[in-house]
Amino acid sequence: MDPAIQPVRRVVDAPPTSVAEVLSNGWLYATWVVGASRIRGVDLHWPQEGSSIAHSVGLWPALLSDRTFVVAEDLPRRLELRARALPVGQADVVITIDPADGSDQ
């Protein structure tokens, strides 16, 4: 792993299936992605691999409109995204859901 990449960990009092439900609703993207200010559109097959969300990032009047793409999906365990805000940049995001008790629920 690149030493500049610092994982962020959060403990959520919810089963992995409930977390996956939130991640599967593309219209909620701006509630769990830092910097996303609004959602402009969600592919019908989100979060299947290759699908995307059209979003804007930043604060008005300095908004950038771009897309986030699903690179890989294995919910309720894992979701890999490529979040873009071009020309500023893009980020690869890997969300891993690990139940605290070691179960799959």
PDB file of N, CA and C in Angstrom:
ATOM      1  N   MET A   1       0.845  -1.185   0.000  1.00  0.00           N
ATOM      2  CA  MET A   1       0.000   0.000   0.000  1.00  0.00           C
ATOM      3  C   MET A   1       0.882   1.237   0.000  1.00  0.00           C
ATOM      4  N   ASP A   2       0.473   2.208  -0.765  1.00  0.00           N
ATOM      5  CA  ASP A   2       1.166   3.492  -0.838  1.00  0.00           C
ATOM      6  C   ASP A   2       1.173   4.132   0.550  1.00  0.00           C
ATOM      7  N   PRO A   3       2.339   4.527   1.082  1.00  0.00           N
ATOM      8  CA  PRO A   3       2.388   5.121   2.422  1.00  0.00           C
ATOM      9  C   PRO A   3       1.599   6.419   2.543  1.00  0.00           C
ATOM     10  N   ALA A   4       1.299   7.069   1.424  1.00  0.00           N
ATOM     11  CA  ALA A   4       0.512   8.306   1.471  1.00  0.00           C
ATOM     12  C   ALA A   4      -0.973   8.020   1.665  1.00  0.00           C
ATOM     13  N   ILE A   5      -1.380   6.776   1.453  1.00  0.00           N
ATOM     14  CA  ILE A   5      -2.786   6.406   1.589  1.00  0.00           C
ATOM     15  C   ILE A   5      -3.050   5.993   3.033  1.00  0.00           C
ATOM     16  N   GLN A   6      -3.962   6.674   3.655  1.00  0.00           N
ATOM     17  CA  GLN A   6      -4.327   6.373   5.030  1.00  0.00           C
ATOM     18  C   GLN A   6      -5.753   5.845   5.077  1.00  0.00           C
ATOM     19  N   PRO A   7      -5.921   4.593   5.487  1.00  0.00           N
ATOM     20  CA  PRO A   7      -7.286   4.057   5.578  1.00  0.00           C
ATOM     21  C   PRO A   7      -8.112   4.813   6.619  1.00  0.00           C
ATOM     22  N   VAL A   8      -9.377   4.930   6.344  1.00  0.00           N
ATOM     23  CA  VAL A   8     -10.325   5.520   7.285  1.00  0.00           C
ATOM     24  C   VAL A   8     -11.229   4.391   7.753  1.00  0.00           C
ATOM     25  N   ARG A   9     -11.383   4.252   9.043  1.00  0.00           N
ATOM     26  CA  ARG A   9     -12.213   3.184   9.592  1.00  0.00           C
ATOM     27  C   ARG A   9     -13.329   3.803  10.422  1.00  0.00           C
ATOM     28  N   ARG A  10     -14.506   3.242  10.266  1.00  0.00           N
ATOM     29  CA  ARG A  10     -15.666   3.685  11.034  1.00  0.00           C
ATOM     30  C   ARG A  10     -16.390   2.457  11.573  1.00  0.00           C
ATOM     31  N   VAL A  11     -16.804   2.531  12.818  1.00  0.00           N
ATOM     32  CA  VAL A  11     -17.618   1.481  13.411  1.00  0.00           C
ATOM     33  C   VAL A  11     -19.062   1.943  13.321  1.00  0.00           C
ATOM     34  N   VAL A  12     -19.898   1.107  12.727  1.00  0.00           N
ATOM     35  CA  VAL A  12     -21.304   1.430  12.535  1.00  0.00           C
ATOM     36  C   VAL A  12     -22.129   0.374  13.251  1.00  0.00           C
ATOM     37  N   ASP A  13     -23.087   0.803  14.038  1.00  0.00           N
ATOM     38  CA  ASP A  13     -23.938  -0.131  14.766  1.00  0.00           C
ATOM     39  C   ASP A  13     -25.079  -0.593  13.848  1.00  0.00           C
ATOM     40  N   ALA A  14     -24.705  -1.411  12.863  1.00  0.00           N
ATOM     41  CA  ALA A  14     -25.672  -1.929  11.905  1.00  0.00           C
ATOM     42  C   ALA A  14     -25.087  -3.177  11.253  1.00  0.00           C
ATOM     43  N   PRO A  15     -25.926  -4.111  10.849  1.00  0.00           N
ATOM     44  CA  PRO A  15     -25.408  -5.296  10.163  1.00  0.00           C
ATOM     45  C   PRO A  15     -24.920  -4.942   8.758  1.00  0.00           C
ATOM     46  N   PRO A  16     -23.995  -5.750   8.206  1.00  0.00           N
ATOM     47  CA  PRO A  16     -23.475  -5.485   6.858  1.00  0.00           C
ATOM     48  C   PRO A  16     -24.567  -5.337   5.803  1.00  0.00           C
ATOM     49  N   THR A  17     -25.654  -6.072   5.916  1.00  0.00           N
ATOM     50  CA  THR A  17     -26.724  -5.959   4.918  1.00  0.00           C
ATOM     51  C   THR A  17     -27.369  -4.579   4.944  1.00  0.00           C
ATOM     52  N   SER A  18     -27.481  -3.982   6.120  1.00  0.00           N
ATOM     53  CA  SER A  18     -28.052  -2.630   6.218  1.00  0.00           C
ATOM     54  C   SER A  18     -27.099  -1.594   5.636  1.00  0.00           C
ATOM     55  N   VAL A  19     -25.792  -1.767   5.882  1.00  0.00           N
ATOM     56  CA  VAL A  19     -24.803  -0.860   5.300  1.00  0.00           C
ATOM     57  C   VAL A  19     -24.844  -0.981   3.780  1.00  0.00           C
ATOM     58  N   ALA A  20     -24.929  -2.209   3.277  1.00  0.00           N
ATOM     59  CA  ALA A  20     -24.996  -2.442   1.832  1.00  0.00           C
ATOM     60  C   ALA A  20     -26.235  -1.799   1.215  1.00  0.00           C
ATOM     61  N   GLU A  21     -27.352  -1.786   1.932  1.00  0.00           N
ATOM     62  CA  GLU A  21     -28.567  -1.132   1.427  1.00  0.00           C
ATOM     63  C   GLU A  21     -28.340   0.355   1.206  1.00  0.00           C
ATOM     64  N   VAL A  22     -27.647   1.004   2.134  1.00  0.00           N
ATOM     65  CA  VAL A  22     -27.357   2.433   1.991  1.00  0.00           C
ATOM     66  C   VAL A  22     -26.436   2.653   0.792  1.00  0.00           C
ATOM     67  N   LEU A  23     -25.380   1.846   0.677  1.00  0.00           N
ATOM     68  CA  LEU A  23     -24.448   1.990  -0.437  1.00  0.00           C
ATOM     69  C   LEU A  23     -25.118   1.701  -1.776  1.00  0.00           C
ATOM     70  N   SER A  24     -26.142   0.871  -1.765  1.00  0.00           N
ATOM     71  CA  SER A  24     -26.843   0.492  -2.994  1.00  0.00           C
ATOM     72  C   SER A  24     -27.831   1.547  -3.474  1.00  0.00           C
ATOM     73  N   ASN A  25     -28.130   2.526  -2.641  1.00  0.00           N
ATOM     74  CA  ASN A  25     -29.031   3.606  -3.027  1.00  0.00           C
ATOM     75  C   ASN A  25     -28.187   4.793  -3.478  1.00  0.00           C
ATOM     76  N   GLY A  26     -27.965   4.903  -4.770  1.00  0.00           N
ATOM     77  CA  GLY A  26     -27.111   5.953  -5.312  1.00  0.00           C
ATOM     78  C   GLY A  26     -27.560   7.362  -4.968  1.00  0.00           C
ATOM     79  N   TRP A  27     -28.846   7.549  -4.715  1.00  0.00           N
ATOM     80  CA  TRP A  27     -29.344   8.887  -4.373  1.00  0.00           C
ATOM     81  C   TRP A  27     -28.871   9.330  -3.003  1.00  0.00           C
ATOM     82  N   LEU A  28     -28.361   8.389  -2.177  1.00  0.00           N
ATOM     83  CA  LEU A  28     -27.825   8.736  -0.853  1.00  0.00           C
ATOM     84  C   LEU A  28     -26.325   9.012  -0.882  1.00  0.00           C
ATOM     85  N   TYR A  29     -25.698   8.919  -2.038  1.00  0.00           N
ATOM     86  CA  TYR A  29     -24.244   9.061  -2.193  1.00  0.00           C
ATOM     87  C   TYR A  29     -23.709  10.316  -1.508  1.00  0.00           C
ATOM     88  N   ALA A  30     -24.365  11.422  -1.661  1.00  0.00           N
ATOM     89  CA  ALA A  30     -23.873  12.686  -1.082  1.00  0.00           C
ATOM     90  C   ALA A  30     -23.916  12.675   0.444  1.00  0.00           C
ATOM     91  N   THR A  31     -24.636  11.735   1.046  1.00  0.00           N
ATOM     92  CA  THR A  31     -24.678  11.668   2.513  1.00  0.00           C
ATOM     93  C   THR A  31     -23.498  10.904   3.096  1.00  0.00           C
ATOM     94  N   TRP A  32     -22.811  10.101   2.282  1.00  0.00           N
ATOM     95  CA  TRP A  32     -21.676   9.336   2.812  1.00  0.00           C
ATOM     96  C   TRP A  32     -20.363   9.587   2.081  1.00  0.00           C
ATOM     97  N   VAL A  33     -20.340  10.498   1.113  1.00  0.00           N
ATOM     98  CA  VAL A  33     -19.106  10.851   0.410  1.00  0.00           C
ATOM     99  C   VAL A  33     -18.762  12.311   0.707  1.00  0.00           C
ATOM    100  N   VAL A  34     -17.611  12.507   1.306  1.00  0.00           N
ATOM    101  CA  VAL A  34     -17.175  13.857   1.652  1.00  0.00           C
ATOM    102  C   VAL A  34     -16.992  14.674   0.380  1.00  0.00           C
ATOM    103  N   GLY A  35     -17.564  15.866   0.350  1.00  0.00           N
ATOM    104  CA  GLY A  35     -17.385  16.776  -0.772  1.00  0.00           C
ATOM    105  C   GLY A  35     -18.486  16.729  -1.811  1.00  0.00           C
ATOM    106  N   ALA A  36     -19.227  15.628  -1.867  1.00  0.00           N
ATOM    107  CA  ALA A  36     -20.322  15.555  -2.842  1.00  0.00           C
ATOM    108  C   ALA A  36     -21.445  16.466  -2.363  1.00  0.00           C
ATOM    109  N   SER A  37     -21.833  17.401  -3.222  1.00  0.00           N
ATOM    110  CA  SER A  37     -22.842  18.375  -2.801  1.00  0.00           C
ATOM    111  C   SER A  37     -24.236  18.047  -3.323  1.00  0.00           C
ATOM    112  N   ARG A  38     -24.302  17.325  -4.451  1.00  0.00           N
ATOM    113  CA  ARG A  38     -25.616  16.937  -4.961  1.00  0.00           C
ATOM    114  C   ARG A  38     -25.461  15.794  -5.957  1.00  0.00           C
ATOM    115  N   ILE A  39     -26.544  15.053  -6.117  1.00  0.00           N
ATOM    116  CA  ILE A  39     -26.587  13.947  -7.070  1.00  0.00           C
ATOM    117  C   ILE A  39     -27.457  14.404  -8.239  1.00  0.00           C
ATOM    118  N   ARG A  40     -26.918  14.257  -9.456  1.00  0.00           N
ATOM    119  CA  ARG A  40     -27.645  14.690 -10.650  1.00  0.00           C
ATOM    120  C   ARG A  40     -28.309  13.524 -11.372  1.00  0.00           C
ATOM    121  N   GLY A  41     -27.852  12.305 -11.112  1.00  0.00           N
ATOM    122  CA  GLY A  41     -28.423  11.140 -11.768  1.00  0.00           C
ATOM    123  C   GLY A  41     -27.754   9.872 -11.287  1.00  0.00           C
ATOM    124  N   VAL A  42     -28.500   8.768 -11.320  1.00  0.00           N
ATOM    125  CA  VAL A  42     -27.994   7.467 -10.879  1.00  0.00           C
ATOM    126  C   VAL A  42     -28.387   6.430 -11.922  1.00  0.00           C
ATOM    127  N   ASP A  43     -27.417   5.659 -12.411  1.00  0.00           N
ATOM    128  CA  ASP A  43     -27.723   4.578 -13.342  1.00  0.00           C
ATOM    129  C   ASP A  43     -28.707   3.605 -12.700  1.00  0.00           C
ATOM    130  N   LEU A  44     -29.603   3.065 -13.513  1.00  0.00           N
ATOM    131  CA  LEU A  44     -30.618   2.146 -12.999  1.00  0.00           C
ATOM    132  C   LEU A  44     -30.020   0.892 -12.369  1.00  0.00           C
ATOM    133  N   HIS A  45     -28.871   0.458 -12.837  1.00  0.00           N
ATOM    134  CA  HIS A  45     -28.289  -0.776 -12.299  1.00  0.00           C
ATOM    135  C   HIS A  45     -27.194  -0.528 -11.254  1.00  0.00           C
ATOM    136  N   TRP A  46     -27.146   0.702 -10.673  1.00  0.00           N
ATOM    137  CA  TRP A  46     -26.221   0.981  -9.565  1.00  0.00           C
ATOM    138  C   TRP A  46     -26.502   0.013  -8.440  1.00  0.00           C
ATOM    139  N   PRO A  47     -25.541  -0.594  -7.791  1.00  0.00           N
ATOM    140  CA  PRO A  47     -24.105  -0.435  -7.877  1.00  0.00           C
ATOM    141  C   PRO A  47     -23.402  -1.566  -8.646  1.00  0.00           C
ATOM    142  N   GLN A  48     -23.990  -2.051  -9.707  1.00  0.00           N
ATOM    143  CA  GLN A  48     -23.322  -3.090 -10.498  1.00  0.00           C
ATOM    144  C   GLN A  48     -22.063  -2.532 -11.158  1.00  0.00           C
ATOM    145  N   GLU A  49     -21.092  -3.394 -11.366  1.00  0.00           N
ATOM    146  CA  GLU A  49     -19.837  -2.991 -11.997  1.00  0.00           C
ATOM    147  C   GLU A  49     -20.103  -2.264 -13.309  1.00  0.00           C
ATOM    148  N   GLY A  50     -19.442  -1.120 -13.493  1.00  0.00           N
ATOM    149  CA  GLY A  50     -19.595  -0.309 -14.698  1.00  0.00           C
ATOM    150  C   GLY A  50     -20.661   0.768 -14.600  1.00  0.00           C
ATOM    151  N   SER A  51     -21.535   0.685 -13.603  1.00  0.00           N
ATOM    152  CA  SER A  51     -22.563   1.716 -13.454  1.00  0.00           C
ATOM    153  C   SER A  51     -21.947   2.972 -12.833  1.00  0.00           C
ATOM    154  N   SER A  52     -22.709   4.076 -12.862  1.00  0.00           N
ATOM    155  CA  SER A  52     -22.156   5.330 -12.345  1.00  0.00           C
ATOM    156  C   SER A  52     -23.231   6.224 -11.750  1.00  0.00           C
ATOM    157  N   ILE A  53     -22.734   7.198 -11.012  1.00  0.00           N
ATOM    158  CA  ILE A  53     -23.561   8.253 -10.424  1.00  0.00           C
ATOM    159  C   ILE A  53     -23.031   9.573 -10.962  1.00  0.00           C
ATOM    160  N   ALA A  54     -23.910  10.436 -11.431  1.00  0.00           N
ATOM    161  CA  ALA A  54     -23.531  11.794 -11.835  1.00  0.00           C
ATOM    162  C   ALA A  54     -23.692  12.675 -10.599  1.00  0.00           C
ATOM    163  N   HIS A  55     -22.643  13.375 -10.241  1.00  0.00           N
ATOM    164  CA  HIS A  55     -22.666  14.195  -9.030  1.00  0.00           C
ATOM    165  C   HIS A  55     -21.947  15.516  -9.260  1.00  0.00           C
ATOM    166  N   SER A  56     -22.131  16.407  -8.307  1.00  0.00           N
ATOM    167  CA  SER A  56     -21.370  17.659  -8.272  1.00  0.00           C
ATOM    168  C   SER A  56     -20.637  17.694  -6.940  1.00  0.00           C
ATOM    169  N   VAL A  57     -19.435  18.269  -6.965  1.00  0.00           N
ATOM    170  CA  VAL A  57     -18.646  18.415  -5.744  1.00  0.00           C
ATOM    171  C   VAL A  57     -18.270  19.883  -5.565  1.00  0.00           C
ATOM    172  N   GLY A  58     -18.083  20.274  -4.318  1.00  0.00           N
ATOM    173  CA  GLY A  58     -17.697  21.644  -4.025  1.00  0.00           C
ATOM    174  C   GLY A  58     -18.866  22.461  -3.519  1.00  0.00           C
ATOM    175  N   LEU A  59     -18.623  23.754  -3.419  1.00  0.00           N
ATOM    176  CA  LEU A  59     -19.639  24.699  -2.962  1.00  0.00           C
ATOM    177  C   LEU A  59     -19.912  25.708  -4.062  1.00  0.00           C
ATOM    178  N   TRP A  60     -21.163  26.105  -4.203  1.00  0.00           N
ATOM    179  CA  TRP A  60     -21.537  27.090  -5.200  1.00  0.00           C
ATOM    180  C   TRP A  60     -20.803  28.388  -4.910  1.00  0.00           C
ATOM    181  N   PRO A  61     -20.242  29.056  -5.847  1.00  0.00           N
ATOM    182  CA  PRO A  61     -20.367  28.853  -7.286  1.00  0.00           C
ATOM    183  C   PRO A  61     -19.253  27.976  -7.876  1.00  0.00           C
ATOM    184  N   ALA A  62     -18.403  27.415  -7.021  1.00  0.00           N
ATOM    185  CA  ALA A  62     -17.275  26.619  -7.508  1.00  0.00           C
ATOM    186  C   ALA A  62     -17.622  25.135  -7.479  1.00  0.00           C
ATOM    187  N   LEU A  63     -18.562  24.734  -8.323  1.00  0.00           N
ATOM    188  CA  LEU A  63     -18.980  23.335  -8.405  1.00  0.00           C
ATOM    189  C   LEU A  63     -18.337  22.661  -9.597  1.00  0.00           C
ATOM    190  N   LEU A  64     -17.920  21.418  -9.411  1.00  0.00           N
ATOM    191  CA  LEU A  64     -17.450  20.580 -10.515  1.00  0.00           C
ATOM    192  C   LEU A  64     -18.444  19.448 -10.686  1.00  0.00           C
ATOM    193  N   SER A  65     -18.872  19.195 -11.895  1.00  0.00           N
ATOM    194  CA  SER A  65     -19.796  18.100 -12.168  1.00  0.00           C
ATOM    195  C   SER A  65     -19.047  16.980 -12.854  1.00  0.00           C
ATOM    196  N   ASP A  66     -19.186  15.781 -12.327  1.00  0.00           N
ATOM    197  CA  ASP A  66     -18.494  14.622 -12.882  1.00  0.00           C
ATOM    198  C   ASP A  66     -19.250  13.362 -12.475  1.00  0.00           C
ATOM    199  N   ARG A  67     -18.562  12.221 -12.487  1.00  0.00           N
ATOM    200  CA  ARG A  67     -19.202  10.941 -12.215  1.00  0.00           C
ATOM    201  C   ARG A  67     -18.331  10.092 -11.290  1.00  0.00           C
ATOM    202  N   THR A  68     -18.987   9.172 -10.596  1.00  0.00           N
ATOM    203  CA  THR A  68     -18.310   8.118  -9.852  1.00  0.00           C
ATOM    204  C   THR A  68     -18.738   6.803 -10.474  1.00  0.00           C
ATOM    205  N   PHE A  69     -17.757   5.942 -10.752  1.00  0.00           N
ATOM    206  CA  PHE A  69     -17.995   4.666 -11.423  1.00  0.00           C
ATOM    207  C   PHE A  69     -17.737   3.506 -10.465  1.00  0.00           C
ATOM    208  N   VAL A  70     -18.527   2.441 -10.616  1.00  0.00           N
ATOM    209  CA  VAL A  70     -18.284   1.220  -9.849  1.00  0.00           C
ATOM    210  C   VAL A  70     -17.230   0.406 -10.584  1.00  0.00           C
ATOM    211  N   VAL A  71     -16.121   0.150  -9.911  1.00  0.00           N
ATOM    212  CA  VAL A  71     -15.042  -0.656 -10.466  1.00  0.00           C
ATOM    213  C   VAL A  71     -15.303  -2.135 -10.186  1.00  0.00           C
ATOM    214  N   ALA A  72     -15.752  -2.454  -8.966  1.00  0.00           N
ATOM    215  CA  ALA A  72     -16.074  -3.830  -8.580  1.00  0.00           C
ATOM    216  C   ALA A  72     -17.095  -3.792  -7.455  1.00  0.00           C
ATOM    217  N   GLU A  73     -17.973  -4.798  -7.441  1.00  0.00           N
ATOM    218  CA  GLU A  73     -19.027  -4.848  -6.427  1.00  0.00           C
ATOM    219  C   GLU A  73     -19.172  -6.270  -5.921  1.00  0.00           C
ATOM    220  N   ASP A  74     -19.111  -6.422  -4.599  1.00  0.00           N
ATOM    221  CA  ASP A  74     -19.334  -7.703  -3.934  1.00  0.00           C
ATOM    222  C   ASP A  74     -20.038  -7.415  -2.602  1.00  0.00           C
ATOM    223  N   LEU A  75     -21.171  -6.730  -2.691  1.00  0.00           N
ATOM    224  CA  LEU A  75     -21.910  -6.383  -1.469  1.00  0.00           C
ATOM    225  C   LEU A  75     -22.612  -7.622  -0.934  1.00  0.00           C
ATOM    226  N   PRO A  76     -22.688  -7.773   0.374  1.00  0.00           N
ATOM    227  CA  PRO A  76     -22.445  -6.790   1.421  1.00  0.00           C
ATOM    228  C   PRO A  76     -21.024  -6.780   1.975  1.00  0.00           C
ATOM    229  N   ARG A  77     -20.045  -7.214   1.200  1.00  0.00           N
ATOM    230  CA  ARG A  77     -18.673  -7.253   1.710  1.00  0.00           C
ATOM    231  C   ARG A  77     -17.786  -6.115   1.219  1.00  0.00           C
ATOM    232  N   ARG A  78     -17.941  -5.727  -0.059  1.00  0.00           N
ATOM    233  CA  ARG A  78     -16.959  -4.813  -0.641  1.00  0.00           C
ATOM    234  C   ARG A  78     -17.564  -4.040  -1.806  1.00  0.00           C
ATOM    235  N   LEU A  79     -17.119  -2.780  -1.950  1.00  0.00           N
ATOM    236  CA  LEU A  79     -17.504  -1.935  -3.080  1.00  0.00           C
ATOM    237  C   LEU A  79     -16.284  -1.097  -3.449  1.00  0.00           C
ATOM    238  N   GLU A  80     -15.896  -1.147  -4.724  1.00  0.00           N
ATOM    239  CA  GLU A  80     -14.754  -0.364  -5.208  1.00  0.00           C
ATOM    240  C   GLU A  80     -15.257   0.671  -6.204  1.00  0.00           C
ATOM    241  N   LEU A  81     -14.874   1.922  -5.983  1.00  0.00           N
ATOM    242  CA  LEU A  81     -15.346   3.041  -6.793  1.00  0.00           C
ATOM    243  C   LEU A  81     -14.181   3.849  -7.337  1.00  0.00           C
ATOM    244  N   ARG A  82     -14.421   4.557  -8.429  1.00  0.00           N
ATOM    245  CA  ARG A  82     -13.496   5.586  -8.927  1.00  0.00           C
ATOM    246  C   ARG A  82     -14.303   6.877  -8.964  1.00  0.00           C
ATOM    247  N   ALA A  83     -13.994   7.758  -8.034  1.00  0.00           N
ATOM    248  CA  ALA A  83     -14.698   9.038  -7.910  1.00  0.00           C
ATOM    249  C   ALA A  83     -13.902  10.108  -8.643  1.00  0.00           C
ATOM    250  N   ARG A  84     -14.553  10.778  -9.593  1.00  0.00           N
ATOM    251  CA  ARG A  84     -13.859  11.800 -10.383  1.00  0.00           C
ATOM    252  C   ARG A  84     -14.414  13.187 -10.090  1.00  0.00           C
ATOM    253  N   ALA A  85     -13.503  14.145 -10.166  1.00  0.00           N
ATOM    254  CA  ALA A  85     -13.850  15.566 -10.114  1.00  0.00           C
ATOM    255  C   ALA A  85     -12.841  16.263 -11.019  1.00  0.00           C
ATOM    256  N   LEU A  86     -12.886  15.913 -12.294  1.00  0.00           N
ATOM    257  CA  LEU A  86     -11.917  16.438 -13.261  1.00  0.00           C
ATOM    258  C   LEU A  86     -12.248  17.883 -13.602  1.00  0.00           C
ATOM    259  N   PRO A  87     -11.274  18.738 -13.782  1.00  0.00           N
ATOM    260  CA  PRO A  87      -9.857  18.484 -13.978  1.00  0.00           C
ATOM    261  C   PRO A  87      -9.047  18.426 -12.686  1.00  0.00           C
ATOM    262  N   VAL A  88      -9.681  18.518 -11.527  1.00  0.00           N
ATOM    263  CA  VAL A  88      -8.935  18.526 -10.268  1.00  0.00           C
ATOM    264  C   VAL A  88      -8.294  17.169  -9.992  1.00  0.00           C
ATOM    265  N   GLY A  89      -9.041  16.083 -10.198  1.00  0.00           N
ATOM    266  CA  GLY A  89      -8.468  14.766  -9.949  1.00  0.00           C
ATOM    267  C   GLY A  89      -9.521  13.693  -9.793  1.00  0.00           C
ATOM    268  N   GLN A  90      -9.045  12.538  -9.374  1.00  0.00           N
ATOM    269  CA  GLN A  90      -9.925  11.415  -9.125  1.00  0.00           C
ATOM    270  C   GLN A  90      -9.351  10.600  -7.986  1.00  0.00           C
ATOM    271  N   ALA A  91     -10.198   9.759  -7.392  1.00  0.00           N
ATOM    272  CA  ALA A  91      -9.762   8.932  -6.272  1.00  0.00           C
ATOM    273  C   ALA A  91     -10.343   7.539  -6.425  1.00  0.00           C
ATOM    274  N   ASP A  92      -9.525   6.549  -6.116  1.00  0.00           N
ATOM    275  CA  ASP A  92     -10.016   5.182  -6.029  1.00  0.00           C
ATOM    276  C   ASP A  92     -10.431   4.949  -4.590  1.00  0.00           C
ATOM    277  N   VAL A  93     -11.659   4.458  -4.408  1.00  0.00           N
ATOM    278  CA  VAL A  93     -12.230   4.268  -3.082  1.00  0.00           C
ATOM    279  C   VAL A  93     -12.599   2.792  -2.935  1.00  0.00           C
ATOM    280  N   VAL A  94     -12.119   2.172  -1.868  1.00  0.00           N
ATOM    281  CA  VAL A  94     -12.460   0.786  -1.575  1.00  0.00           C
ATOM    282  C   VAL A  94     -13.173   0.764  -0.236  1.00  0.00           C
ATOM    283  N   ILE A  95     -14.400   0.287  -0.240  1.00  0.00           N
ATOM    284  CA  ILE A  95     -15.195   0.182   0.978  1.00  0.00           C
ATOM    285  C   ILE A  95     -15.297  -1.300   1.315  1.00  0.00           C
ATOM    286  N   THR A  96     -14.774  -1.657   2.490  1.00  0.00           N
ATOM    287  CA  THR A  96     -14.833  -3.032   2.962  1.00  0.00           C
ATOM    288  C   THR A  96     -15.706  -3.061   4.206  1.00  0.00           C
ATOM    289  N   ILE A  97     -16.671  -3.955   4.223  1.00  0.00           N
ATOM    290  CA  ILE A  97     -17.603  -4.062   5.342  1.00  0.00           C
ATOM    291  C   ILE A  97     -17.257  -5.343   6.107  1.00  0.00           C
ATOM    292  N   ASP A  98     -16.756  -5.178   7.323  1.00  0.00           N
ATOM    293  CA  ASP A  98     -16.385  -6.306   8.159  1.00  0.00           C
ATOM    294  C   ASP A  98     -17.268  -6.326   9.405  1.00  0.00           C
ATOM    295  N   PRO A  99     -18.103  -7.367   9.570  1.00  0.00           N
ATOM    296  CA  PRO A  99     -18.922  -7.428  10.775  1.00  0.00           C
ATOM    297  C   PRO A  99     -18.050  -7.607  12.013  1.00  0.00           C
ATOM    298  N   ALA A 100     -18.374  -6.896  13.060  1.00  0.00           N
ATOM    299  CA  ALA A 100     -17.584  -6.942  14.299  1.00  0.00           C
ATOM    300  C   ALA A 100     -17.544  -8.329  14.907  1.00  0.00           C
ATOM    301  N   ASP A 101     -18.631  -9.100  14.747  1.00  0.00           N
ATOM    302  CA  ASP A 101     -18.681 -10.432  15.355  1.00  0.00           C
ATOM    303  C   ASP A 101     -18.152 -11.530  14.443  1.00  0.00           C
ATOM    304  N   GLY A 102     -17.673 -11.153  13.239  1.00  0.00           N
ATOM    305  CA  GLY A 102     -17.119 -12.133  12.315  1.00  0.00           C
ATOM    306  C   GLY A 102     -18.142 -12.861  11.468  1.00  0.00           C
ATOM    307  N   SER A 103     -19.434 -12.563  11.653  1.00  0.00           N
ATOM    308  CA  SER A 103     -20.486 -13.213  10.866  1.00  0.00           C
ATOM    309  C   SER A 103     -20.642 -12.489   9.531  1.00  0.00           C
ATOM    310  N   ASP A 104     -21.511 -13.000   8.680  1.00  0.00           N
ATOM    311  CA  ASP A 104     -21.825 -12.343   7.416  1.00  0.00           C
ATOM    312  C   ASP A 104     -23.073 -11.475   7.526  1.00  0.00           C
ATOM    313  N   GLN A 105     -23.705 -11.461   8.634  1.00  0.00           N
ATOM    314  CA  GLN A 105     -24.940 -10.706   8.817  1.00  0.00           C
ATOM    315  C   GLN A 105     -24.602  -9.493   9.602  1.00  0.00           C
TER     316      GLN A 105
END
